């Protein structure tokens, strides 16, 4: 797999940012020398917030894992979390600093150990006050108790793991080999599958959901169902007992 994505690498955004920082900041020298190019896309996206965010990431450990954090939270070759940008991800990291240990474990090759920690990070990303440690538990709670729509809850554990593998492949292997002649592992072991002559993401290894799962969609109509505010009507579905109308509407 070619290293096509260097995430619009240019030195200008980060170079100007680093030039504004006072000397002696912990981790700045390491940040500049070790992860300078891969994260320039991150700084170009956060723009005016860049300097404050850079200060929040000072320290050798966070500096080392910034490329993986950037890839995991969305870059050109790794999917992103719906409605969750870099600022939301950084806030979640500050709220759950143990995520740093998870990213470091991924660099050390402990993928399973790393994923356990990163999974909790994703839970915090979607619900800062959550006590759950797995995304499947958080999904159920957010959907059934907090009335979140499907597009506003975390991905399944199976889908998140494939996403995590793609991020590790990009940051640890592709970006980690600063050489024009890279010796990369087979992408099929890292969240990708080969279709014809191209590589496509493996979104999940779960079977396709049964049509009956659509019944989990519910509306909150108090009176008459229908119209743009009715979730069931929008999806051309019949109301069920989960709906506030109890499925008794016409």
Protein backbone atom coordinates (compact mmCIF):
# COMPACT_ATOMS: atom_id res chain seq x y z
CA UNK A 1 0.00 0.00 0.00
CA UNK A 2 1.48 3.31 -1.06
CA UNK A 3 1.99 6.00 1.48
CA UNK A 4 -0.37 8.29 -0.41
CA UNK A 5 -1.53 10.23 2.60
CA UNK A 6 0.90 12.46 4.37
CA UNK A 7 -2.16 14.50 5.23
CA UNK A 8 -1.39 17.49 3.04
CA UNK A 9 2.00 17.84 4.64
CA UNK A 10 3.41 21.34 4.59
CA UNK A 11 5.79 22.86 7.05
CA UNK A 12 4.21 26.31 7.14
CA UNK A 13 1.35 25.86 9.69
CA UNK A 14 3.39 24.14 12.37
CA UNK A 15 6.61 26.00 11.59
CA UNK A 16 4.96 29.34 12.28
CA UNK A 17 3.35 27.91 15.40
CA UNK A 18 6.56 26.52 16.84
CA UNK A 19 8.28 29.83 16.18
CA UNK A 20 5.90 31.59 18.57
CA UNK A 21 6.67 29.32 21.51
CA UNK A 22 9.11 30.34 24.23
CA UNK A 23 12.25 28.26 24.66
CA UNK A 24 12.34 25.55 27.30
CA UNK A 25 8.90 24.03 26.81
CA UNK A 26 9.03 20.34 27.65
CA UNK A 27 8.48 18.11 24.66
CA UNK A 28 8.63 20.86 22.01
CA UNK A 29 12.03 19.79 20.67
CA UNK A 30 10.94 16.16 20.51
CA UNK A 31 7.63 17.17 18.97
CA UNK A 32 9.43 19.07 16.25
CA UNK A 33 12.02 16.40 15.45
CA UNK A 34 9.99 13.20 15.76
CA UNK A 35 6.45 13.98 14.65
CA UNK A 36 6.84 17.26 12.76
CA UNK A 37 5.49 16.25 9.36
CA UNK A 38 2.70 13.78 10.20
CA UNK A 39 0.86 16.16 12.51
CA UNK A 40 1.07 19.26 10.37
CA UNK A 41 -2.33 18.32 8.98
CA UNK A 42 -3.68 18.42 12.53
CA UNK A 43 -2.40 21.93 13.14
CA UNK A 44 -3.61 23.19 9.79
CA UNK A 45 -7.11 22.05 10.74
CA UNK A 46 -7.28 23.52 14.24
CA UNK A 47 -5.92 26.83 13.02
CA UNK A 48 -6.15 29.58 15.61
CA UNK A 49 -6.48 27.05 18.44
CA UNK A 50 -3.10 25.58 17.53
CA UNK A 51 -0.90 27.34 20.04
CA UNK A 52 -3.12 26.65 23.04
CA UNK A 53 -3.54 23.04 21.98
CA UNK A 54 0.19 22.59 21.50
CA UNK A 55 0.78 23.82 25.04
CA UNK A 56 -1.75 21.28 26.31
CA UNK A 57 0.25 18.51 24.65
CA UNK A 58 3.69 19.37 26.00
CA UNK A 59 5.61 16.45 27.39
CA UNK A 60 7.49 13.62 25.68
CA UNK A 61 4.75 10.99 25.98
CA UNK A 62 1.96 13.00 24.40
CA UNK A 63 4.35 14.35 21.79
CA UNK A 64 5.25 10.82 20.77
CA UNK A 65 1.66 9.65 20.32
CA UNK A 66 0.30 12.75 18.56
CA UNK A 67 0.44 11.09 15.11
CA UNK A 68 -1.67 8.17 16.34
CA UNK A 69 -4.09 10.52 18.09
CA UNK A 70 -4.40 12.48 14.85
CA UNK A 71 -5.00 9.36 12.74
CA UNK A 72 -7.43 7.82 15.21
CA UNK A 73 -9.57 10.95 15.47
CA UNK A 74 -9.72 11.33 11.69
CA UNK A 75 -7.28 11.86 8.83
CA UNK A 76 -7.37 11.37 5.07
CA UNK A 77 -6.91 7.58 5.18
CA UNK A 78 -8.72 6.83 8.44
CA UNK A 79 -12.43 7.46 9.00
CA UNK A 80 -13.63 9.89 11.64
CA UNK A 81 -16.26 9.92 14.37
CA UNK A 82 -19.51 11.55 13.29
CA UNK A 83 -19.84 15.01 14.80
CA UNK A 84 -16.59 14.69 16.78
CA UNK A 85 -13.80 16.94 15.57
CA UNK A 86 -10.27 17.50 16.86
CA UNK A 87 -11.38 19.93 19.56
CA UNK A 88 -13.88 17.41 20.99
CA UNK A 89 -11.23 14.69 20.88
CA UNK A 90 -8.69 16.88 22.68
CA UNK A 91 -11.23 17.73 25.37
CA UNK A 92 -11.92 14.01 25.83
CA UNK A 93 -8.18 13.32 26.10
CA UNK A 94 -7.80 15.98 28.78
CA UNK A 95 -10.75 14.43 30.62
CA UNK A 96 -9.26 10.94 30.29
CA UNK A 97 -5.45 11.29 30.38
CA UNK A 98 -5.02 7.51 30.62
CA UNK A 99 -5.63 7.47 26.88
CA UNK A 100 -1.96 8.40 26.52
CA UNK A 101 -1.01 4.99 27.93
CA UNK A 102 -3.26 3.32 25.39
CA UNK A 103 -1.68 5.15 22.47
CA UNK A 104 1.80 4.35 23.81
CA UNK A 105 0.91 0.65 24.10
CA UNK A 106 -0.06 0.66 20.42
CA UNK A 107 3.38 1.99 19.52
CA UNK A 108 4.91 -0.82 21.55
CA UNK A 109 2.92 -3.46 19.66
CA UNK A 110 0.41 -4.27 22.41
CA UNK A 111 -2.66 -3.80 20.23
CA UNK A 112 -5.15 -5.63 22.47
CA UNK A 113 -3.98 -3.87 25.61
CA UNK A 114 -4.07 -0.54 23.84
CA UNK A 115 -7.57 -1.06 22.49
CA UNK A 116 -9.01 -1.67 25.97
CA UNK A 117 -7.88 1.80 27.03
CA UNK A 118 -8.77 3.52 23.76
CA UNK A 119 -12.26 2.04 23.89
CA UNK A 120 -12.85 3.89 27.17
CA UNK A 121 -11.50 7.05 25.53
CA UNK A 122 -14.18 6.76 22.83
CA UNK A 123 -16.87 6.32 25.50
CA UNK A 124 -15.69 9.58 27.09
CA UNK A 125 -15.66 11.22 23.67
CA UNK A 126 -19.41 10.61 23.37
CA UNK A 127 -20.40 10.95 27.03
CA UNK A 128 -18.01 12.75 29.35
CA UNK A 129 -19.79 11.59 32.52
CA UNK A 130 -20.13 7.93 31.51
CA UNK A 131 -18.95 5.20 33.87
CA UNK A 132 -19.05 2.52 31.17
CA UNK A 133 -15.82 1.04 29.86
CA UNK A 134 -17.06 -0.49 26.60
CA UNK A 135 -18.66 1.19 23.61
CA UNK A 136 -21.38 -1.44 23.35
CA UNK A 137 -22.58 -0.64 26.87
CA UNK A 138 -22.37 3.08 26.15
CA UNK A 139 -24.31 2.66 22.89
CA UNK A 140 -27.16 0.91 24.65
CA UNK A 141 -27.30 3.50 27.43
CA UNK A 142 -27.15 6.54 25.14
CA UNK A 143 -29.81 5.14 22.84
CA UNK A 144 -32.27 3.81 25.40
CA UNK A 145 -31.78 6.22 28.31
CA UNK A 146 -30.59 9.47 26.75
CA UNK A 147 -32.58 9.27 23.53
CA UNK A 148 -29.56 9.67 21.25
CA UNK A 149 -30.11 8.96 17.58
CA UNK A 150 -28.11 6.14 16.01
CA UNK A 151 -25.75 8.54 14.25
CA UNK A 152 -24.90 10.21 17.57
CA UNK A 153 -23.76 7.17 19.53
CA UNK A 154 -20.37 5.41 19.41
CA UNK A 155 -19.65 2.74 16.81
CA UNK A 156 -19.92 -0.91 17.77
CA UNK A 157 -16.88 -2.52 19.35
CA UNK A 158 -16.26 -4.53 16.18
CA UNK A 159 -16.33 -1.42 13.99
CA UNK A 160 -14.20 0.56 16.42
CA UNK A 161 -11.54 -2.15 16.46
CA UNK A 162 -11.20 -2.06 12.67
CA UNK A 163 -10.98 1.73 12.84
CA UNK A 164 -8.29 1.45 15.50
CA UNK A 165 -6.28 -0.99 13.36
CA UNK A 166 -6.36 1.41 10.40
CA UNK A 167 -5.16 4.25 12.63
CA UNK A 168 -2.28 2.16 13.97
CA UNK A 169 -1.31 1.10 10.45
CA UNK A 170 -1.24 4.73 9.32
CA UNK A 171 0.51 6.31 12.29
CA UNK A 172 2.79 3.59 13.62
CA UNK A 173 3.74 1.83 10.39
CA UNK A 174 3.30 4.27 7.50
CA UNK A 175 4.19 7.50 9.27
CA UNK A 176 6.61 5.64 11.54
CA UNK A 177 8.86 4.71 8.62
CA UNK A 178 10.37 7.95 7.42
CA UNK A 179 11.82 6.37 4.29
CA UNK A 180 10.85 6.40 0.60
CA UNK A 181 11.21 2.60 0.54
CA UNK A 182 8.88 1.44 3.25
CA UNK A 183 8.52 -2.14 4.41
CA UNK A 184 4.89 -2.12 5.52
CA UNK A 185 2.90 -5.06 6.92
CA UNK A 186 0.01 -6.42 4.87
CA UNK A 187 -2.94 -4.00 5.18
CA UNK A 188 -5.37 -6.93 5.37
CA UNK A 189 -4.27 -7.39 8.98
CA UNK A 190 -4.86 -3.73 9.77
CA UNK A 191 -8.46 -2.91 8.94
CA UNK A 192 -8.28 -3.12 5.15
CA UNK A 193 -9.47 -5.63 2.55
CA UNK A 194 -8.46 -5.98 -1.06
CA UNK A 195 -11.23 -5.67 -3.63
CA UNK A 196 -10.06 -6.25 -7.20
CA UNK A 197 -6.94 -4.10 -7.45
CA UNK A 198 -7.69 -1.62 -4.68
CA UNK A 199 -7.77 -1.59 -0.90
CA UNK A 200 -11.00 -0.73 0.89
CA UNK A 201 -11.73 -0.33 4.62
CA UNK A 202 -13.07 -3.27 6.58
CA UNK A 203 -15.83 -1.49 8.43
CA UNK A 204 -16.73 -4.41 10.69
CA UNK A 205 -16.51 -8.18 10.91
CA UNK A 206 -20.07 -8.46 12.23
CA UNK A 207 -22.79 -9.86 9.97
CA UNK A 208 -25.27 -7.48 8.39
CA UNK A 209 -27.95 -6.46 10.88
CA UNK A 210 -31.33 -8.08 10.40
CA UNK A 211 -34.19 -5.95 9.17
CA UNK A 212 -35.80 -6.46 12.55
CA UNK A 213 -33.18 -4.16 14.06
CA UNK A 214 -34.93 -1.28 12.33
CA UNK A 215 -37.66 -1.69 14.91
CA UNK A 216 -35.28 -0.13 17.45
CA UNK A 217 -35.91 3.21 15.76
CA UNK A 218 -38.63 5.01 17.70
CA UNK A 219 -40.45 8.31 17.56
CA UNK A 220 -41.38 10.69 20.36
CA UNK A 221 -44.64 11.92 18.88
CA UNK A 222 -47.04 12.88 21.67
CA UNK A 223 -50.14 13.24 19.53
CA UNK A 224 -50.30 12.36 15.86
CA UNK A 225 -47.41 10.62 14.11
CA UNK A 226 -46.20 11.82 10.75
CA UNK A 227 -44.44 14.80 9.27
CA UNK A 228 -40.81 15.86 9.43
CA UNK A 229 -40.54 15.47 13.20
CA UNK A 230 -41.54 11.80 13.27
CA UNK A 231 -38.48 9.57 13.04
CA UNK A 232 -40.49 6.57 11.92
CA UNK A 233 -42.26 8.56 9.21
CA UNK A 234 -38.94 9.93 7.98
CA UNK A 235 -37.63 6.38 7.48
CA UNK A 236 -40.92 5.06 6.11
CA UNK A 237 -41.30 2.67 9.04
CA UNK A 238 -44.31 1.67 11.10
CA UNK A 239 -44.33 2.75 14.71
CA UNK A 240 -43.65 0.05 17.32
CA UNK A 241 -44.16 -0.41 21.04
CA UNK A 242 -40.89 1.45 21.64
CA UNK A 243 -42.50 4.64 20.32
CA UNK A 244 -44.34 7.01 22.63
CA UNK A 245 -47.51 6.27 20.66
CA UNK A 246 -47.07 2.58 21.52
CA UNK A 247 -47.48 1.64 17.88
CA UNK A 248 -51.18 2.48 18.06
CA UNK A 249 -51.07 5.45 15.69
CA UNK A 250 -52.61 5.35 12.25
